[in-house]
Amino acid sequence: MIWLFLSILFSTSLFIAFKLFSRFKVDMFSAIIVNYLTCFILGNLYLGSAHILKAETIHQQGFIPIISTGILFIGTFFLMGTATQKVGAGMSSMASKMSVVLPVLVAVSFFHEHLSMLHVCGIILSLISVVLISIKEEGGLHFDWVLLLVFLGSGLVDTGLNLLKNANYTYFDSVKMSTLLFAGAFISGLMIIAVKPSLIKNLNSRSLIGGICLGTCNFISLVVMFEAIEAFAGKTSLFFTFNNIGVVCCSAIFGLAFKEKLTQKGKIGLGIAILAILLMM
């Protein structure tokens, strides 16, 4: 359970970092690029002599699937940013966290994980809780195609991480896999910059500091998530459900520190989330 707790904690720290970006006027794109470079550097420093900056890494089984999955990281980050600007943080957060359905379906279908009726009820309640916590009272509900892309992108990232971890690539442990994933994200970021250099015109000291802080949290978050997936072997569907409920609940609570009011529906949603967790324990 310690890995699950740490996964929720560090995943929530990303939410806090993005809120601080807005407060301190940190350029989002520049910070995200610096974030992935930071993750890649931290990974290799942690690995020491076992770093992945070796020619042999390219020839290892799993190299292509892992580095390709990293491309989804940066794409999903930007989709969430676009969704937040177009339809609000509540709806984009809801679309992201409801994507837990995808890794759960894959875990049940491909890994033949068993879910009891209580677990199924808990998952359904967790989706309801995410909706209630995420929806704001003002403005009403408006669907936008980008929400579907956020849903699919977030779901594919979680599903991809689960598939990669369960593939048991012998060369790539949690840290090596995380480092290579971030390398893929950083490379794709550089490709975007090559096409549109103006995207980093606002790169400055605040973007560098913000990106380094985000990258540190992001790196730890992914390594911890891989350890949690391993700890929940055979029950990864429950891990992703627990993790997403926990992140939404903690984000809502930390949001109070940023003077974000929790609506009456949000309070009910938190109660339902706790009930969902109890049912699945």
Protein backbone atom coordinates (compact mmCIF):
# COMPACT_ATOMS: atom_id res chain seq x y z
CA MET A 1 0.00 0.00 0.00
CA ILE A 2 2.98 2.32 0.55
CA TRP A 3 3.65 2.42 -3.22
CA LEU A 4 0.01 3.30 -3.89
CA PHE A 5 0.17 6.11 -1.31
CA LEU A 6 3.41 7.47 -2.80
CA SER A 7 1.97 7.24 -6.33
CA ILE A 8 -1.05 9.30 -5.30
CA LEU A 9 1.14 11.79 -3.42
CA PHE A 10 3.58 12.45 -6.27
CA SER A 11 0.88 12.42 -8.95
CA THR A 12 -0.95 15.07 -6.93
CA SER A 13 2.28 17.07 -6.67
CA LEU A 14 2.09 17.53 -10.46
CA PHE A 15 -1.30 19.19 -10.01
CA ILE A 16 0.19 21.53 -7.41
CA ALA A 17 3.11 22.35 -9.72
CA PHE A 18 0.78 23.31 -12.56
CA LYS A 19 -1.28 25.50 -10.22
CA LEU A 20 1.93 27.27 -9.17
CA PHE A 21 2.87 27.73 -12.84
CA SER A 22 -0.29 29.74 -13.30
CA ARG A 23 0.36 31.80 -10.17
CA PHE A 24 3.98 32.63 -11.07
CA LYS A 25 3.30 33.04 -14.80
CA VAL A 26 5.56 30.19 -15.89
CA ASP A 27 5.39 29.40 -19.63
CA MET A 28 3.77 25.97 -19.83
CA PHE A 29 5.39 24.62 -23.01
CA SER A 30 8.94 25.64 -22.06
CA ALA A 31 8.54 24.20 -18.56
CA ILE A 32 7.22 20.89 -19.92
CA ILE A 33 10.22 20.51 -22.24
CA VAL A 34 12.65 21.30 -19.39
CA ASN A 35 10.67 18.88 -17.22
CA TYR A 36 11.29 15.94 -19.57
CA LEU A 37 14.97 16.78 -19.95
CA THR A 38 15.22 16.92 -16.14
CA CYS A 39 13.55 13.51 -15.84
CA PHE A 40 15.98 12.02 -18.38
CA ILE A 41 19.04 13.46 -16.61
CA LEU A 42 17.82 12.40 -13.16
CA GLY A 43 17.20 8.88 -14.39
CA ASN A 44 20.71 8.48 -15.75
CA LEU A 45 22.30 10.05 -12.66
CA TYR A 46 20.35 7.66 -10.44
CA LEU A 47 21.36 4.67 -12.57
CA GLY A 48 25.05 5.64 -12.44
CA SER A 49 27.16 3.18 -14.39
CA ALA A 50 23.98 1.35 -15.43
CA HIS A 51 22.73 4.43 -17.33
CA ILE A 52 20.93 3.99 -20.66
CA LEU A 53 23.30 6.25 -22.64
CA LYS A 54 24.89 3.18 -24.21
CA ALA A 55 24.70 1.79 -27.74
CA GLU A 56 23.55 -1.55 -26.34
CA THR A 57 20.36 0.04 -25.01
CA ILE A 58 18.99 0.49 -28.54
CA HIS A 59 19.29 -3.24 -29.23
CA GLN A 60 17.50 -4.36 -26.06
CA GLN A 61 14.07 -5.96 -26.27
CA GLY A 62 11.42 -3.36 -25.48
CA PHE A 63 13.38 -0.30 -26.62
CA ILE A 64 11.00 0.69 -29.44
CA PRO A 65 7.71 0.13 -27.51
CA ILE A 66 9.02 2.04 -24.47
CA ILE A 67 10.44 5.09 -26.26
CA SER A 68 7.35 5.23 -28.50
CA THR A 69 5.05 5.29 -25.48
CA GLY A 70 6.99 8.32 -24.26
CA ILE A 71 5.64 10.26 -27.23
CA LEU A 72 2.14 9.89 -25.76
CA PHE A 73 3.29 11.69 -22.60
CA ILE A 74 3.90 15.07 -24.15
CA GLY A 75 0.88 14.78 -26.44
CA THR A 76 -1.47 14.09 -23.52
CA PHE A 77 0.05 16.95 -21.48
CA PHE A 78 -0.69 19.43 -24.26
CA LEU A 79 -4.17 18.04 -24.88
CA MET A 80 -5.00 18.57 -21.20
CA GLY A 81 -3.69 22.13 -21.43
CA THR A 82 -5.83 22.81 -24.51
CA ALA A 83 -8.89 21.29 -22.87
CA THR A 84 -8.38 23.39 -19.75
CA GLN A 85 -8.27 26.56 -21.84
CA LYS A 86 -11.31 25.64 -23.94
CA VAL A 87 -13.72 24.02 -21.48
CA GLY A 88 -12.20 24.49 -18.03
CA ALA A 89 -10.07 22.53 -15.58
CA GLY A 90 -13.04 20.66 -14.11
CA MET A 91 -14.15 19.06 -17.37
CA SER A 92 -10.60 18.30 -18.56
CA SER A 93 -9.76 16.72 -15.19
CA MET A 94 -12.93 14.65 -15.34
CA ALA A 95 -12.11 13.42 -18.86
CA SER A 96 -8.59 12.51 -17.76
CA LYS A 97 -9.54 10.61 -14.62
CA MET A 98 -12.53 8.79 -16.16
CA SER A 99 -10.00 7.26 -18.55
CA VAL A 100 -9.32 4.72 -15.78
CA VAL A 101 -11.94 2.63 -17.60
CA LEU A 102 -9.44 1.82 -20.36
CA PRO A 103 -6.59 0.30 -18.28
CA VAL A 104 -9.19 -1.54 -16.19
CA LEU A 105 -10.76 -3.10 -19.30
CA VAL A 106 -7.32 -4.08 -20.63
CA ALA A 107 -6.34 -5.62 -17.27
CA VAL A 108 -9.52 -7.70 -17.19
CA SER A 109 -9.47 -8.65 -20.89
CA PHE A 110 -5.76 -9.31 -21.52
CA PHE A 111 -4.40 -10.18 -18.08
CA HIS A 112 -7.59 -12.01 -17.02
CA GLU A 113 -7.78 -10.19 -13.71
CA HIS A 114 -10.85 -11.11 -11.68
CA LEU A 115 -13.21 -8.45 -10.41
CA SER A 116 -15.86 -9.25 -7.82
CA MET A 117 -19.24 -7.53 -7.85
CA LEU A 118 -18.05 -5.29 -4.99
CA HIS A 119 -15.05 -4.26 -7.07
CA VAL A 120 -17.26 -3.52 -10.09
CA CYS A 121 -19.60 -1.44 -7.90
CA GLY A 122 -16.58 0.38 -6.47
CA ILE A 123 -15.26 1.24 -9.95
CA ILE A 124 -18.67 2.55 -11.04
CA LEU A 125 -18.94 4.64 -7.87
CA SER A 126 -15.41 5.96 -8.42
CA LEU A 127 -16.40 7.26 -11.87
CA ILE A 128 -19.45 8.96 -10.37
CA SER A 129 -17.29 10.52 -7.67
CA VAL A 130 -14.81 11.87 -10.24
CA VAL A 131 -17.66 13.53 -12.15
CA LEU A 132 -19.12 15.12 -9.01
CA ILE A 133 -15.76 16.34 -7.70
CA SER A 134 -14.66 17.74 -11.06
CA ILE A 135 -17.80 19.57 -12.19
CA LYS A 136 -18.08 23.20 -11.16
CA GLU A 137 -21.47 24.74 -10.52
CA GLU A 138 -20.92 27.79 -12.67
CA GLY A 139 -20.84 27.66 -16.45
CA GLY A 140 -22.75 24.43 -16.93
CA LEU A 141 -21.55 21.50 -19.01
CA HIS A 142 -20.20 21.83 -22.55
CA PHE A 143 -18.79 18.93 -24.56
CA ASP A 144 -15.83 19.52 -26.85
CA TRP A 145 -14.00 17.04 -29.08
CA VAL A 146 -10.75 17.73 -27.25
CA LEU A 147 -12.27 16.08 -24.14
CA LEU A 148 -12.52 12.84 -26.07
CA LEU A 149 -8.85 13.14 -27.02
CA VAL A 150 -7.89 13.79 -23.37
CA PHE A 151 -9.91 10.74 -22.34
CA LEU A 152 -8.24 8.54 -24.97
CA GLY A 153 -4.75 9.99 -24.41
CA SER A 154 -4.80 9.57 -20.62
CA GLY A 155 -6.28 6.09 -20.94
CA LEU A 156 -3.68 5.04 -23.51
CA VAL A 157 -0.82 6.32 -21.32
CA ASP A 158 -2.01 4.35 -18.28
CA THR A 159 -2.73 1.30 -20.43
CA GLY A 160 0.67 1.56 -22.11
CA LEU A 161 2.47 1.76 -18.77
CA ASN A 162 0.60 -1.31 -17.53
CA LEU A 163 1.39 -3.28 -20.70
CA LEU A 164 5.06 -2.29 -20.60
CA LYS A 165 5.46 -3.26 -16.96
CA ASN A 166 3.71 -6.59 -17.51
CA ALA A 167 5.86 -7.32 -20.57
CA ASN A 168 8.73 -8.13 -18.18
CA TYR A 169 11.52 -6.70 -20.31
CA THR A 170 14.52 -8.08 -18.44
CA TYR A 171 16.91 -5.21 -19.29
CA PHE A 172 14.53 -2.41 -18.31
CA ASP A 173 13.72 -2.16 -14.61
CA SER A 174 11.41 0.58 -13.29
CA VAL A 175 14.08 3.32 -13.37
CA LYS A 176 15.52 2.42 -16.78
CA MET A 177 12.05 2.17 -18.28
CA SER A 178 11.01 5.52 -16.79
CA THR A 179 14.21 7.17 -18.06
CA LEU A 180 13.68 5.85 -21.60
CA LEU A 181 10.01 6.90 -21.56
CA PHE A 182 11.03 10.45 -20.67
CA ALA A 183 13.68 10.36 -23.40
CA GLY A 184 10.90 9.62 -25.90
CA ALA A 185 8.85 12.52 -24.56
CA PHE A 186 11.82 14.92 -24.71
CA ILE A 187 12.75 13.89 -28.27
CA SER A 188 9.18 14.42 -29.44
CA GLY A 189 9.26 17.84 -27.76
CA LEU A 190 12.40 18.75 -29.70
CA MET A 191 10.69 17.67 -32.92
CA ILE A 192 7.78 20.00 -32.14
CA ILE A 193 10.21 22.87 -31.47
CA ALA A 194 11.99 22.16 -34.77
CA VAL A 195 8.70 22.62 -36.59
CA LYS A 196 7.61 25.65 -34.54
CA PRO A 197 10.58 27.35 -32.79
CA SER A 198 8.38 30.22 -31.56
CA LEU A 199 6.94 27.88 -28.92
CA ILE A 200 10.01 28.36 -26.70
CA LYS A 201 10.33 32.13 -27.16
CA ASN A 202 9.22 32.54 -23.53
CA LEU A 203 11.92 30.28 -22.13
CA ASN A 204 13.41 32.08 -19.11
CA SER A 205 14.68 31.45 -15.58
CA ARG A 206 11.15 30.87 -14.26
CA SER A 207 10.50 28.25 -16.94
CA LEU A 208 13.81 26.55 -16.11
CA ILE A 209 13.17 26.47 -12.35
CA GLY A 210 9.55 25.42 -12.84
CA GLY A 211 10.52 22.70 -15.31
CA ILE A 212 13.22 21.31 -13.01
CA CYS A 213 10.80 21.17 -10.06
CA LEU A 214 8.09 19.57 -12.21
CA GLY A 215 10.59 17.11 -13.69
CA THR A 216 11.78 15.99 -10.26
CA CYS A 217 8.22 15.27 -9.15
CA ASN A 218 7.37 13.69 -12.52
CA PHE A 219 10.35 11.33 -12.46
CA ILE A 220 9.64 10.11 -8.94
CA SER A 221 5.93 9.82 -9.77
CA LEU A 222 6.51 7.45 -12.70
CA VAL A 223 9.09 5.28 -10.92
CA VAL A 224 6.76 4.96 -7.93
CA MET A 225 3.83 4.13 -10.23
CA PHE A 226 5.81 1.28 -11.82
CA GLU A 227 6.65 -0.07 -8.36
CA ALA A 228 2.98 0.15 -7.40
CA ILE A 229 1.92 -1.71 -10.56
CA GLU A 230 4.39 -4.44 -9.65
CA ALA A 231 3.09 -4.53 -6.06
CA PHE A 232 -0.48 -4.87 -7.39
CA ALA A 233 0.46 -7.72 -9.77
CA GLY A 234 -2.73 -9.48 -10.78
CA LYS A 235 -4.81 -6.58 -9.44
CA THR A 236 -3.66 -3.64 -11.56
CA SER A 237 -7.27 -2.75 -12.37
CA LEU A 238 -7.74 -1.93 -8.69
CA PHE A 239 -4.49 0.03 -8.56
CA PHE A 240 -5.48 2.38 -11.40
CA THR A 241 -8.92 2.88 -9.86
CA PHE A 242 -7.48 3.58 -6.38
CA ASN A 243 -4.81 5.82 -7.84
CA ASN A 244 -7.21 7.96 -9.87
CA ILE A 245 -9.70 8.32 -7.01
CA GLY A 246 -6.85 9.28 -4.69
CA VAL A 247 -5.42 11.89 -7.07
CA VAL A 248 -8.83 13.50 -7.67
CA CYS A 249 -9.61 13.60 -3.93
CA CYS A 250 -6.18 14.94 -2.96
CA SER A 251 -6.26 17.49 -5.78
CA ALA A 252 -9.66 18.70 -4.57
CA ILE A 253 -8.38 19.00 -1.01
CA PHE A 254 -5.14 20.77 -2.02
CA GLY A 255 -7.23 23.00 -4.25
CA LEU A 256 -8.69 24.55 -1.11
CA ALA A 257 -5.23 25.98 -0.41
CA PHE A 258 -5.53 27.82 -3.73
CA LYS A 259 -8.94 29.14 -2.64
CA GLU A 260 -10.82 26.77 -4.92
CA LYS A 261 -14.21 26.18 -3.39
CA LEU A 262 -15.45 22.61 -3.11
CA THR A 263 -19.06 22.56 -4.27
CA GLN A 264 -21.84 20.64 -2.56
CA LYS A 265 -21.63 18.07 -5.37
CA GLY A 266 -17.88 17.88 -4.77
CA LYS A 267 -18.40 17.07 -1.09
CA ILE A 268 -20.85 14.34 -2.03
CA GLY A 269 -18.32 13.09 -4.58
CA LEU A 270 -15.62 12.82 -1.91
CA GLY A 271 -17.98 10.80 0.26
CA ILE A 272 -18.78 8.47 -2.64
CA ALA A 273 -15.05 8.11 -3.39
CA ILE A 274 -14.39 6.98 0.19
CA LEU A 275 -17.26 4.48 -0.09
CA ALA A 276 -15.82 3.20 -3.40
CA ILE A 277 -12.41 2.65 -1.77
CA LEU A 278 -13.98 0.75 1.15
CA LEU A 279 -15.88 -1.51 -1.26
CA MET A 280 -12.71 -2.39 -3.18
CA MET A 281 -10.43 -3.00 -0.18
